[in-house]
Amino acid sequence: MPRPRGGGRDRGQVALEYLGFLPVLILVAMAGVQLGLIAYTAQQAGTAARAGARSASLDQGAQAACAAAVSSWLAGGTSCGTSGGGDEVTVTARVDIPSIVPGWDFGTAGRSATMPVDH
């Protein structure tokens, strides 16, 4: 039985279509991972603020507790500021948001926590 005439020309068409769509899939995956990193960093900033406020309420300083409360790969970009006076202390933690795309800056995630001062 003879082969149809144009049958060999369609070979590899699916592979080429997949290769054309692959950059879109990679972009969507990278966006998903970046959103996850932003959410995780915001959660870590809240943890750092609570730990820093707890430490500052005991008059032990906030910065070391803030940095110790976050994941080690985020600790280098963590800073804490203390405010308040009297019966309570407020600590604001800021954590740099990592980027999986070089050159893009997503800024910092910040959270605050207030604790009563232990006299």
PDB file of N, CA and C in Angstrom:
ATOM      1  N   MET A   1       0.836  -1.173   0.000  1.00  0.00           N
ATOM      2  CA  MET A   1       0.000   0.000   0.000  1.00  0.00           C
ATOM      3  C   MET A   1       0.886   1.244   0.000  1.00  0.00           C
ATOM      4  N   PRO A   2       0.659   2.138  -0.874  1.00  0.00           N
ATOM      5  CA  PRO A   2       1.494   3.342  -0.950  1.00  0.00           C
ATOM      6  C   PRO A   2       1.185   4.320   0.176  1.00  0.00           C
ATOM      7  N   ARG A   3       2.206   5.029   0.586  1.00  0.00           N
ATOM      8  CA  ARG A   3       2.061   6.061   1.629  1.00  0.00           C
ATOM      9  C   ARG A   3       1.384   7.285   1.061  1.00  0.00           C
ATOM     10  N   PRO A   4       0.581   7.963   1.903  1.00  0.00           N
ATOM     11  CA  PRO A   4       0.028   9.225   1.417  1.00  0.00           C
ATOM     12  C   PRO A   4       1.144  10.227   1.157  1.00  0.00           C
ATOM     13  N   ARG A   5       0.914  11.091   0.214  1.00  0.00           N
ATOM     14  CA  ARG A   5       1.967  11.987  -0.250  1.00  0.00           C
ATOM     15  C   ARG A   5       2.519  12.943   0.797  1.00  0.00           C
ATOM     16  N   GLY A   6       1.759  13.680   1.514  1.00  0.00           N
ATOM     17  CA  GLY A   6       2.284  14.716   2.405  1.00  0.00           C
ATOM     18  C   GLY A   6       2.502  14.243   3.827  1.00  0.00           C
ATOM     19  N   GLY A   7       2.420  12.961   4.102  1.00  0.00           N
ATOM     20  CA  GLY A   7       2.501  12.456   5.472  1.00  0.00           C
ATOM     21  C   GLY A   7       3.814  12.724   6.172  1.00  0.00           C
ATOM     22  N   GLY A   8       4.915  12.772   5.488  1.00  0.00           N
ATOM     23  CA  GLY A   8       6.207  12.967   6.119  1.00  0.00           C
ATOM     24  C   GLY A   8       6.478  14.402   6.521  1.00  0.00           C
ATOM     25  N   ARG A   9       5.715  15.330   5.980  1.00  0.00           N
ATOM     26  CA  ARG A   9       5.951  16.735   6.291  1.00  0.00           C
ATOM     27  C   ARG A   9       5.457  17.142   7.669  1.00  0.00           C
ATOM     28  N   ASP A  10       4.533  16.402   8.223  1.00  0.00           N
ATOM     29  CA  ASP A  10       3.972  16.757   9.528  1.00  0.00           C
ATOM     30  C   ASP A  10       4.781  16.202  10.688  1.00  0.00           C
ATOM     31  N   ARG A  11       5.777  15.450  10.396  1.00  0.00           N
ATOM     32  CA  ARG A  11       6.602  14.876  11.453  1.00  0.00           C
ATOM     33  C   ARG A  11       7.297  15.964  12.259  1.00  0.00           C
ATOM     34  N   GLY A  12       7.219  15.872  13.554  1.00  0.00           N
ATOM     35  CA  GLY A  12       7.887  16.839  14.413  1.00  0.00           C
ATOM     36  C   GLY A  12       7.080  18.088  14.693  1.00  0.00           C
ATOM     37  N   GLN A  13       5.869  18.165  14.146  1.00  0.00           N
ATOM     38  CA  GLN A  13       5.050  19.358  14.358  1.00  0.00           C
ATOM     39  C   GLN A  13       4.689  19.525  15.829  1.00  0.00           C
ATOM     40  N   VAL A  14       4.350  18.446  16.482  1.00  0.00           N
ATOM     41  CA  VAL A  14       3.985  18.514  17.902  1.00  0.00           C
ATOM     42  C   VAL A  14       5.181  18.973  18.732  1.00  0.00           C
ATOM     43  N   ALA A  15       6.350  18.494  18.410  1.00  0.00           N
ATOM     44  CA  ALA A  15       7.556  18.898  19.148  1.00  0.00           C
ATOM     45  C   ALA A  15       7.823  20.392  18.977  1.00  0.00           C
ATOM     46  N   LEU A  16       7.637  20.899  17.778  1.00  0.00           N
ATOM     47  CA  LEU A  16       7.846  22.330  17.549  1.00  0.00           C
ATOM     48  C   LEU A  16       6.805  23.170  18.270  1.00  0.00           C
ATOM     49  N   GLU A  17       5.546  22.702  18.295  1.00  0.00           N
ATOM     50  CA  GLU A  17       4.516  23.431  19.022  1.00  0.00           C
ATOM     51  C   GLU A  17       4.821  23.450  20.522  1.00  0.00           C
ATOM     52  N   TYR A  18       5.305  22.335  21.033  1.00  0.00           N
ATOM     53  CA  TYR A  18       5.673  22.259  22.454  1.00  0.00           C
ATOM     54  C   TYR A  18       6.827  23.210  22.753  1.00  0.00           C
ATOM     55  N   LEU A  19       7.830  23.235  21.899  1.00  0.00           N
ATOM     56  CA  LEU A  19       8.964  24.145  22.103  1.00  0.00           C
ATOM     57  C   LEU A  19       8.530  25.599  22.037  1.00  0.00           C
ATOM     58  N   GLY A  20       7.542  25.900  21.231  1.00  0.00           N
ATOM     59  CA  GLY A  20       7.035  27.265  21.155  1.00  0.00           C
ATOM     60  C   GLY A  20       6.263  27.668  22.402  1.00  0.00           C
ATOM     61  N   PHE A  21       5.615  26.701  23.038  1.00  0.00           N
ATOM     62  CA  PHE A  21       4.811  26.980  24.235  1.00  0.00           C
ATOM     63  C   PHE A  21       5.640  26.881  25.517  1.00  0.00           C
ATOM     64  N   LEU A  22       6.793  26.264  25.453  1.00  0.00           N
ATOM     65  CA  LEU A  22       7.641  26.059  26.635  1.00  0.00           C
ATOM     66  C   LEU A  22       8.030  27.361  27.342  1.00  0.00           C
ATOM     67  N   PRO A  23       8.390  28.443  26.661  1.00  0.00           N
ATOM     68  CA  PRO A  23       8.701  29.686  27.375  1.00  0.00           C
ATOM     69  C   PRO A  23       7.526  30.218  28.196  1.00  0.00           C
ATOM     70  N   VAL A  24       6.305  30.042  27.689  1.00  0.00           N
ATOM     71  CA  VAL A  24       5.129  30.480  28.442  1.00  0.00           C
ATOM     72  C   VAL A  24       4.985  29.656  29.714  1.00  0.00           C
ATOM     73  N   LEU A  25       5.180  28.355  29.620  1.00  0.00           N
ATOM     74  CA  LEU A  25       5.105  27.487  30.802  1.00  0.00           C
ATOM     75  C   LEU A  25       6.176  27.850  31.836  1.00  0.00           C
ATOM     76  N   ILE A  26       7.371  28.138  31.372  1.00  0.00           N
ATOM     77  CA  ILE A  26       8.455  28.506  32.286  1.00  0.00           C
ATOM     78  C   ILE A  26       8.147  29.838  32.961  1.00  0.00           C
ATOM     79  N   LEU A  27       7.612  30.793  32.219  1.00  0.00           N
ATOM     80  CA  LEU A  27       7.257  32.094  32.788  1.00  0.00           C
ATOM     81  C   LEU A  27       6.172  31.955  33.856  1.00  0.00           C
ATOM     82  N   VAL A  28       5.169  31.149  33.604  1.00  0.00           N
ATOM     83  CA  VAL A  28       4.100  30.929  34.592  1.00  0.00           C
ATOM     84  C   VAL A  28       4.661  30.236  35.835  1.00  0.00           C
ATOM     85  N   ALA A  29       5.530  29.271  35.643  1.00  0.00           N
ATOM     86  CA  ALA A  29       6.135  28.578  36.790  1.00  0.00           C
ATOM     87  C   ALA A  29       6.989  29.540  37.619  1.00  0.00           C
ATOM     88  N   MET A  30       7.768  30.381  36.962  1.00  0.00           N
ATOM     89  CA  MET A  30       8.605  31.339  37.691  1.00  0.00           C
ATOM     90  C   MET A  30       7.752  32.352  38.449  1.00  0.00           C
ATOM     91  N   ALA A  31       6.642  32.781  37.852  1.00  0.00           N
ATOM     92  CA  ALA A  31       5.737  33.714  38.537  1.00  0.00           C
ATOM     93  C   ALA A  31       5.137  33.053  39.771  1.00  0.00           C
ATOM     94  N   GLY A  32       4.777  31.783  39.671  1.00  0.00           N
ATOM     95  CA  GLY A  32       4.242  31.061  40.822  1.00  0.00           C
ATOM     96  C   GLY A  32       5.253  30.929  41.940  1.00  0.00           C
ATOM     97  N   VAL A  33       6.484  30.600  41.589  1.00  0.00           N
ATOM     98  CA  VAL A  33       7.542  30.487  42.599  1.00  0.00           C
ATOM     99  C   VAL A  33       7.818  31.846  43.241  1.00  0.00           C
ATOM    100  N   GLN A  34       7.819  32.909  42.449  1.00  0.00           N
ATOM    101  CA  GLN A  34       8.068  34.245  42.993  1.00  0.00           C
ATOM    102  C   GLN A  34       6.957  34.659  43.950  1.00  0.00           C
ATOM    103  N   LEU A  35       5.709  34.387  43.613  1.00  0.00           N
ATOM    104  CA  LEU A  35       4.604  34.701  44.523  1.00  0.00           C
ATOM    105  C   LEU A  35       4.733  33.921  45.826  1.00  0.00           C
ATOM    106  N   GLY A  36       5.153  32.676  45.731  1.00  0.00           N
ATOM    107  CA  GLY A  36       5.383  31.880  46.933  1.00  0.00           C
ATOM    108  C   GLY A  36       6.488  32.464  47.796  1.00  0.00           C
ATOM    109  N   LEU A  37       7.563  32.943  47.162  1.00  0.00           N
ATOM    110  CA  LEU A  37       8.655  33.575  47.904  1.00  0.00           C
ATOM    111  C   LEU A  37       8.203  34.856  48.597  1.00  0.00           C
ATOM    112  N   ILE A  38       7.355  35.622  47.939  1.00  0.00           N
ATOM    113  CA  ILE A  38       6.840  36.854  48.544  1.00  0.00           C
ATOM    114  C   ILE A  38       6.003  36.530  49.771  1.00  0.00           C
ATOM    115  N   ALA A  39       5.128  35.545  49.657  1.00  0.00           N
ATOM    116  CA  ALA A  39       4.284  35.152  50.797  1.00  0.00           C
ATOM    117  C   ALA A  39       5.126  34.597  51.941  1.00  0.00           C
ATOM    118  N   TYR A  40       6.113  33.768  51.623  1.00  0.00           N
ATOM    119  CA  TYR A  40       6.980  33.191  52.644  1.00  0.00           C
ATOM    120  C   TYR A  40       7.785  34.275  53.356  1.00  0.00           C
ATOM    121  N   THR A  41       8.282  35.246  52.604  1.00  0.00           N
ATOM    122  CA  THR A  41       9.050  36.336  53.194  1.00  0.00           C
ATOM    123  C   THR A  41       8.185  37.184  54.116  1.00  0.00           C
ATOM    124  N   ALA A  42       6.941  37.431  53.722  1.00  0.00           N
ATOM    125  CA  ALA A  42       6.021  38.186  54.583  1.00  0.00           C
ATOM    126  C   ALA A  42       5.752  37.426  55.882  1.00  0.00           C
ATOM    127  N   GLN A  43       5.595  36.119  55.789  1.00  0.00           N
ATOM    128  CA  GLN A  43       5.393  35.298  56.992  1.00  0.00           C
ATOM    129  C   GLN A  43       6.633  35.346  57.887  1.00  0.00           C
ATOM    130  N   GLN A  44       7.800  35.292  57.297  1.00  0.00           N
ATOM    131  CA  GLN A  44       9.043  35.353  58.066  1.00  0.00           C
ATOM    132  C   GLN A  44       9.218  36.727  58.726  1.00  0.00           C
ATOM    133  N   ALA A  45       8.772  37.795  58.072  1.00  0.00           N
ATOM    134  CA  ALA A  45       8.844  39.129  58.667  1.00  0.00           C
ATOM    135  C   ALA A  45       7.959  39.207  59.906  1.00  0.00           C
ATOM    136  N   GLY A  46       6.780  38.584  59.865  1.00  0.00           N
ATOM    137  CA  GLY A  46       5.911  38.541  61.038  1.00  0.00           C
ATOM    138  C   GLY A  46       6.544  37.771  62.185  1.00  0.00           C
ATOM    139  N   THR A  47       7.180  36.663  61.873  1.00  0.00           N
ATOM    140  CA  THR A  47       7.878  35.874  62.895  1.00  0.00           C
ATOM    141  C   THR A  47       9.017  36.680  63.509  1.00  0.00           C
ATOM    142  N   ALA A  48       9.774  37.377  62.666  1.00  0.00           N
ATOM    143  CA  ALA A  48      10.884  38.193  63.160  1.00  0.00           C
ATOM    144  C   ALA A  48      10.382  39.324  64.049  1.00  0.00           C
ATOM    145  N   ALA A  49       9.280  39.969  63.666  1.00  0.00           N
ATOM    146  CA  ALA A  49       8.743  41.072  64.467  1.00  0.00           C
ATOM    147  C   ALA A  49       8.293  40.575  65.843  1.00  0.00           C
ATOM    148  N   ARG A  50       7.623  39.439  65.883  1.00  0.00           N
ATOM    149  CA  ARG A  50       7.177  38.899  67.178  1.00  0.00           C
ATOM    150  C   ARG A  50       8.363  38.509  68.061  1.00  0.00           C
ATOM    151  N   ALA A  51       9.361  37.857  67.476  1.00  0.00           N
ATOM    152  CA  ALA A  51      10.544  37.464  68.257  1.00  0.00           C
ATOM    153  C   ALA A  51      11.304  38.691  68.745  1.00  0.00           C
ATOM    154  N   GLY A  52      11.433  39.689  67.877  1.00  0.00           N
ATOM    155  CA  GLY A  52      12.123  40.915  68.273  1.00  0.00           C
ATOM    156  C   GLY A  52      11.375  41.658  69.362  1.00  0.00           C
ATOM    157  N   ALA A  53      10.047  41.722  69.271  1.00  0.00           N
ATOM    158  CA  ALA A  53       9.244  42.400  70.296  1.00  0.00           C
ATOM    159  C   ALA A  53       9.323  41.661  71.631  1.00  0.00           C
ATOM    160  N   ARG A  54       9.312  40.344  71.569  1.00  0.00           N
ATOM    161  CA  ARG A  54       9.444  39.550  72.797  1.00  0.00           C
ATOM    162  C   ARG A  54      10.778  39.816  73.468  1.00  0.00           C
ATOM    163  N   SER A  55      11.841  39.838  72.654  1.00  0.00           N
ATOM    164  CA  SER A  55      13.174  40.082  73.196  1.00  0.00           C
ATOM    165  C   SER A  55      13.313  41.514  73.718  1.00  0.00           C
ATOM    166  N   ALA A  56      12.787  42.484  72.977  1.00  0.00           N
ATOM    167  CA  ALA A  56      12.880  43.882  73.398  1.00  0.00           C
ATOM    168  C   ALA A  56      12.056  44.131  74.662  1.00  0.00           C
ATOM    169  N   SER A  57      10.954  43.400  74.820  1.00  0.00           N
ATOM    170  CA  SER A  57      10.137  43.583  76.027  1.00  0.00           C
ATOM    171  C   SER A  57      10.860  43.094  77.275  1.00  0.00           C
ATOM    172  N   LEU A  58      11.823  42.215  77.085  1.00  0.00           N
ATOM    173  CA  LEU A  58      12.652  41.728  78.195  1.00  0.00           C
ATOM    174  C   LEU A  58      13.947  42.511  78.314  1.00  0.00           C
ATOM    175  N   ASP A  59      14.062  43.617  77.540  1.00  0.00           N
ATOM    176  CA  ASP A  59      15.229  44.500  77.533  1.00  0.00           C
ATOM    177  C   ASP A  59      16.499  43.777  77.097  1.00  0.00           C
ATOM    178  N   GLN A  60      16.367  42.908  76.076  1.00  0.00           N
ATOM    179  CA  GLN A  60      17.512  42.167  75.560  1.00  0.00           C
ATOM    180  C   GLN A  60      17.889  42.582  74.137  1.00  0.00           C
ATOM    181  N   GLY A  61      17.220  43.592  73.590  1.00  0.00           N
ATOM    182  CA  GLY A  61      17.508  44.034  72.225  1.00  0.00           C
ATOM    183  C   GLY A  61      16.737  43.216  71.212  1.00  0.00           C
ATOM    184  N   ALA A  62      16.394  43.851  70.109  1.00  0.00           N
ATOM    185  CA  ALA A  62      15.521  43.207  69.133  1.00  0.00           C
ATOM    186  C   ALA A  62      16.259  42.623  67.931  1.00  0.00           C
ATOM    187  N   GLN A  63      17.350  43.241  67.489  1.00  0.00           N
ATOM    188  CA  GLN A  63      17.969  42.865  66.214  1.00  0.00           C
ATOM    189  C   GLN A  63      18.444  41.413  66.185  1.00  0.00           C
ATOM    190  N   ALA A  64      19.129  40.967  67.217  1.00  0.00           N
ATOM    191  CA  ALA A  64      19.632  39.591  67.222  1.00  0.00           C
ATOM    192  C   ALA A  64      18.487  38.588  67.199  1.00  0.00           C
ATOM    193  N   ALA A  65      17.432  38.863  67.946  1.00  0.00           N
ATOM    194  CA  ALA A  65      16.282  37.958  67.976  1.00  0.00           C
ATOM    195  C   ALA A  65      15.564  37.943  66.638  1.00  0.00           C
ATOM    196  N   CYS A  66      15.481  39.098  65.991  1.00  0.00           N
ATOM    197  CA  CYS A  66      14.852  39.168  64.669  1.00  0.00           C
ATOM    198  C   CYS A  66      15.597  38.303  63.661  1.00  0.00           C
ATOM    199  N   ALA A  67      16.893  38.482  63.598  1.00  0.00           N
ATOM    200  CA  ALA A  67      17.699  37.737  62.630  1.00  0.00           C
ATOM    201  C   ALA A  67      17.693  36.241  62.929  1.00  0.00           C
ATOM    202  N   ALA A  68      17.650  35.876  64.205  1.00  0.00           N
ATOM    203  CA  ALA A  68      17.648  34.456  64.574  1.00  0.00           C
ATOM    204  C   ALA A  68      16.310  33.794  64.279  1.00  0.00           C
ATOM    205  N   ALA A  69      15.236  34.572  64.188  1.00  0.00           N
ATOM    206  CA  ALA A  69      13.903  34.003  64.005  1.00  0.00           C
ATOM    207  C   ALA A  69      13.587  33.652  62.551  1.00  0.00           C
ATOM    208  N   VAL A  70      14.320  34.209  61.602  1.00  0.00           N
ATOM    209  CA  VAL A  70      14.029  33.941  60.189  1.00  0.00           C
ATOM    210  C   VAL A  70      14.942  32.847  59.658  1.00  0.00           C
ATOM    211  N   SER A  71      14.600  32.313  58.509  1.00  0.00           N
ATOM    212  CA  SER A  71      15.437  31.305  57.856  1.00  0.00           C
ATOM    213  C   SER A  71      16.823  31.870  57.607  1.00  0.00           C
ATOM    214  N   SER A  72      17.817  31.018  57.666  1.00  0.00           N
ATOM    215  CA  SER A  72      19.206  31.484  57.560  1.00  0.00           C
ATOM    216  C   SER A  72      19.474  32.204  56.239  1.00  0.00           C
ATOM    217  N   TRP A  73      18.847  31.813  55.150  1.00  0.00           N
ATOM    218  CA  TRP A  73      19.100  32.455  53.862  1.00  0.00           C
ATOM    219  C   TRP A  73      18.393  33.802  53.734  1.00  0.00           C
ATOM    220  N   LEU A  74      17.524  34.150  54.686  1.00  0.00           N
ATOM    221  CA  LEU A  74      16.885  35.468  54.709  1.00  0.00           C
ATOM    222  C   LEU A  74      17.455  36.373  55.797  1.00  0.00           C
ATOM    223  N   ALA A  75      18.227  35.810  56.724  1.00  0.00           N
ATOM    224  CA  ALA A  75      18.706  36.560  57.889  1.00  0.00           C
ATOM    225  C   ALA A  75      19.587  37.744  57.507  1.00  0.00           C
ATOM    226  N   GLY A  76      20.348  37.626  56.437  1.00  0.00           N
ATOM    227  CA  GLY A  76      21.231  38.718  56.034  1.00  0.00           C
ATOM    228  C   GLY A  76      20.487  39.971  55.595  1.00  0.00           C
ATOM    229  N   GLY A  77      19.260  39.815  55.113  1.00  0.00           N
ATOM    230  CA  GLY A  77      18.475  40.954  54.659  1.00  0.00           C
ATOM    231  C   GLY A  77      17.389  41.354  55.636  1.00  0.00           C
ATOM    232  N   THR A  78      17.587  41.035  56.917  1.00  0.00           N
ATOM    233  CA  THR A  78      16.578  41.321  57.937  1.00  0.00           C
ATOM    234  C   THR A  78      17.034  42.478  58.813  1.00  0.00           C
ATOM    235  N   SER A  79      16.135  43.441  59.022  1.00  0.00           N
ATOM    236  CA  SER A  79      16.426  44.543  59.932  1.00  0.00           C
ATOM    237  C   SER A  79      15.200  44.790  60.800  1.00  0.00           C
ATOM    238  N   CYS A  80      15.446  45.238  62.021  1.00  0.00           N
ATOM    239  CA  CYS A  80      14.361  45.505  62.963  1.00  0.00           C
ATOM    240  C   CYS A  80      14.545  46.875  63.583  1.00  0.00           C
ATOM    241  N   GLY A  81      13.452  47.568  63.725  1.00  0.00           N
ATOM    242  CA  GLY A  81      13.454  48.861  64.393  1.00  0.00           C
ATOM    243  C   GLY A  81      12.531  48.813  65.595  1.00  0.00           C
ATOM    244  N   THR A  82      12.945  49.449  66.665  1.00  0.00           N
ATOM    245  CA  THR A  82      12.176  49.439  67.907  1.00  0.00           C
ATOM    246  C   THR A  82      11.625  50.826  68.170  1.00  0.00           C
ATOM    247  N   SER A  83      10.373  50.875  68.607  1.00  0.00           N
ATOM    248  CA  SER A  83       9.762  52.146  68.986  1.00  0.00           C
ATOM    249  C   SER A  83       8.853  51.897  70.179  1.00  0.00           C
ATOM    250  N   GLY A  84       8.352  52.973  70.708  1.00  0.00           N
ATOM    251  CA  GLY A  84       7.456  52.860  71.857  1.00  0.00           C
ATOM    252  C   GLY A  84       8.179  53.223  73.136  1.00  0.00           C
ATOM    253  N   GLY A  85       7.462  53.199  74.161  1.00  0.00           N
ATOM    254  CA  GLY A  85       8.023  53.516  75.457  1.00  0.00           C
ATOM    255  C   GLY A  85       6.962  53.291  76.512  1.00  0.00           C
ATOM    256  N   GLY A  86       7.359  53.402  77.719  1.00  0.00           N
ATOM    257  CA  GLY A  86       6.406  53.192  78.798  1.00  0.00           C
ATOM    258  C   GLY A  86       6.125  51.723  79.022  1.00  0.00           C
ATOM    259  N   ASP A  87       4.887  51.334  78.808  1.00  0.00           N
ATOM    260  CA  ASP A  87       4.471  49.967  79.136  1.00  0.00           C
ATOM    261  C   ASP A  87       4.511  48.989  77.974  1.00  0.00           C
ATOM    262  N   GLU A  88       4.842  49.459  76.770  1.00  0.00           N
ATOM    263  CA  GLU A  88       4.882  48.543  75.626  1.00  0.00           C
ATOM    264  C   GLU A  88       5.976  48.936  74.647  1.00  0.00           C
ATOM    265  N   VAL A  89       6.387  47.950  73.858  1.00  0.00           N
ATOM    266  CA  VAL A  89       7.422  48.163  72.858  1.00  0.00           C
ATOM    267  C   VAL A  89       6.906  47.602  71.534  1.00  0.00           C
ATOM    268  N   THR A  90       7.172  48.339  70.457  1.00  0.00           N
ATOM    269  CA  THR A  90       6.765  47.908  69.120  1.00  0.00           C
ATOM    270  C   THR A  90       8.015  47.687  68.281  1.00  0.00           C
ATOM    271  N   VAL A  91       8.072  46.546  67.625  1.00  0.00           N
ATOM    272  CA  VAL A  91       9.200  46.217  66.750  1.00  0.00           C
ATOM    273  C   VAL A  91       8.662  46.035  65.337  1.00  0.00           C
ATOM    274  N   THR A  92       9.306  46.704  64.393  1.00  0.00           N
ATOM    275  CA  THR A  92       8.966  46.560  62.980  1.00  0.00           C
ATOM    276  C   THR A  92      10.121  45.840  62.293  1.00  0.00           C
ATOM    277  N   ALA A  93       9.811  44.685  61.704  1.00  0.00           N
ATOM    278  CA  ALA A  93      10.822  43.887  61.004  1.00  0.00           C
ATOM    279  C   ALA A  93      10.653  44.063  59.508  1.00  0.00           C
ATOM    280  N   ARG A  94      11.755  44.203  58.814  1.00  0.00           N
ATOM    281  CA  ARG A  94      11.766  44.281  57.357  1.00  0.00           C
ATOM    282  C   ARG A  94      12.717  43.212  56.832  1.00  0.00           C
ATOM    283  N   VAL A  95      12.215  42.431  55.887  1.00  0.00           N
ATOM    284  CA  VAL A  95      13.000  41.345  55.296  1.00  0.00           C
ATOM    285  C   VAL A  95      13.022  41.557  53.784  1.00  0.00           C
ATOM    286  N   ASP A  96      14.225  41.541  53.200  1.00  0.00           N
ATOM    287  CA  ASP A  96      14.358  41.684  51.749  1.00  0.00           C
ATOM    288  C   ASP A  96      13.719  40.491  51.047  1.00  0.00           C
ATOM    289  N   ILE A  97      12.900  40.772  50.031  1.00  0.00           N
ATOM    290  CA  ILE A  97      12.252  39.704  49.264  1.00  0.00           C
ATOM    291  C   ILE A  97      13.224  39.227  48.190  1.00  0.00           C
ATOM    292  N   PRO A  98      13.594  37.946  48.217  1.00  0.00           N
ATOM    293  CA  PRO A  98      14.506  37.436  47.186  1.00  0.00           C
ATOM    294  C   PRO A  98      13.802  37.357  45.829  1.00  0.00           C
ATOM    295  N   SER A  99      14.583  37.505  44.773  1.00  0.00           N
ATOM    296  CA  SER A  99      14.048  37.441  43.421  1.00  0.00           C
ATOM    297  C   SER A  99      14.680  36.280  42.676  1.00  0.00           C
ATOM    298  N   ILE A 100      13.856  35.514  41.960  1.00  0.00           N
ATOM    299  CA  ILE A 100      14.420  34.423  41.162  1.00  0.00           C
ATOM    300  C   ILE A 100      14.806  34.908  39.764  1.00  0.00           C
ATOM    301  N   VAL A 101      14.399  36.129  39.424  1.00  0.00           N
ATOM    302  CA  VAL A 101      14.774  36.722  38.142  1.00  0.00           C
ATOM    303  C   VAL A 101      15.813  37.792  38.415  1.00  0.00           C
ATOM    304  N   PRO A 102      17.034  37.618  37.931  1.00  0.00           N
ATOM    305  CA  PRO A 102      18.072  38.620  38.179  1.00  0.00           C
ATOM    306  C   PRO A 102      17.667  39.998  37.641  1.00  0.00           C
ATOM    307  N   GLY A 103      17.921  41.007  38.452  1.00  0.00           N
ATOM    308  CA  GLY A 103      17.630  42.368  38.032  1.00  0.00           C
ATOM    309  C   GLY A 103      16.281  42.894  38.485  1.00  0.00           C
ATOM    310  N   TRP A 104      15.388  42.040  38.914  1.00  0.00           N
ATOM    311  CA  TRP A 104      14.091  42.486  39.408  1.00  0.00           C
ATOM    312  C   TRP A 104      14.159  42.641  40.909  1.00  0.00           C
ATOM    313  N   ASP A 105      13.664  43.772  41.404  1.00  0.00           N
ATOM    314  CA  ASP A 105      13.678  44.049  42.840  1.00  0.00           C
ATOM    315  C   ASP A 105      12.243  44.128  43.334  1.00  0.00           C
ATOM    316  N   PHE A 106      11.911  43.299  44.298  1.00  0.00           N
ATOM    317  CA  PHE A 106      10.564  43.279  44.850  1.00  0.00           C
ATOM    318  C   PHE A 106      10.484  44.003  46.186  1.00  0.00           C
ATOM    319  N   GLY A 107      11.559  44.640  46.614  1.00  0.00           N
ATOM    320  CA  GLY A 107      11.555  45.432  47.838  1.00  0.00           C
ATOM    321  C   GLY A 107      11.640  44.586  49.091  1.00  0.00           C
ATOM    322  N   THR A 108      10.948  45.032  50.126  1.00  0.00           N
ATOM    323  CA  THR A 108      10.979  44.330  51.404  1.00  0.00           C
ATOM    324  C   THR A 108       9.567  44.026  51.877  1.00  0.00           C
ATOM    325  N   ALA A 109       9.481  43.021  52.724  1.00  0.00           N
ATOM    326  CA  ALA A 109       8.222  42.714  53.405  1.00  0.00           C
ATOM    327  C   ALA A 109       8.380  43.202  54.840  1.00  0.00           C
ATOM    328  N   GLY A 110       7.398  43.901  55.333  1.00  0.00           N
ATOM    329  CA  GLY A 110       7.483  44.449  56.686  1.00  0.00           C
ATOM    330  C   GLY A 110       6.283  44.066  57.532  1.00  0.00           C
ATOM    331  N   ARG A 111       6.537  43.784  58.786  1.00  0.00           N
ATOM    332  CA  ARG A 111       5.489  43.480  59.749  1.00  0.00           C
ATOM    333  C   ARG A 111       5.878  44.097  61.092  1.00  0.00           C
ATOM    334  N   SER A 112       4.866  44.413  61.907  1.00  0.00           N
ATOM    335  CA  SER A 112       5.097  44.994  63.233  1.00  0.00           C
ATOM    336  C   SER A 112       4.434  44.123  64.294  1.00  0.00           C
ATOM    337  N   ALA A 113       5.012  44.161  65.465  1.00  0.00           N
ATOM    338  CA  ALA A 113       4.446  43.460  66.616  1.00  0.00           C
ATOM    339  C   ALA A 113       4.656  44.313  67.868  1.00  0.00           C
ATOM    340  N   THR A 114       3.682  44.311  68.750  1.00  0.00           N
ATOM    341  CA  THR A 114       3.745  45.070  70.002  1.00  0.00           C
ATOM    342  C   THR A 114       3.607  44.113  71.174  1.00  0.00           C
ATOM    343  N   MET A 115       4.475  44.292  72.161  1.00  0.00           N
ATOM    344  CA  MET A 115       4.435  43.466  73.369  1.00  0.00           C
ATOM    345  C   MET A 115       4.512  44.373  74.593  1.00  0.00           C
ATOM    346  N   PRO A 116       3.915  43.943  75.693  1.00  0.00           N
ATOM    347  CA  PRO A 116       4.049  44.722  76.938  1.00  0.00           C
ATOM    348  C   PRO A 116       5.457  44.555  77.504  1.00  0.00           C
ATOM    349  N   VAL A 117       5.964  45.615  78.094  1.00  0.00           N
ATOM    350  CA  VAL A 117       7.306  45.585  78.684  1.00  0.00           C
ATOM    351  C   VAL A 117       7.238  44.858  80.010  1.00  0.00           C
ATOM    352  N   ASP A 118       8.171  43.944  80.210  1.00  0.00           N
ATOM    353  CA  ASP A 118       8.252  43.187  81.456  1.00  0.00           C
ATOM    354  C   ASP A 118       9.112  43.970  82.437  1.00  0.00           C
ATOM    355  N   HIS A 119       8.501  44.466  83.487  1.00  0.00           N
ATOM    356  CA  HIS A 119       9.239  45.296  84.457  1.00  0.00           C
ATOM    357  C   HIS A 119       9.887  44.449  85.507  1.00  0.00           C
TER     358      HIS A 119
END
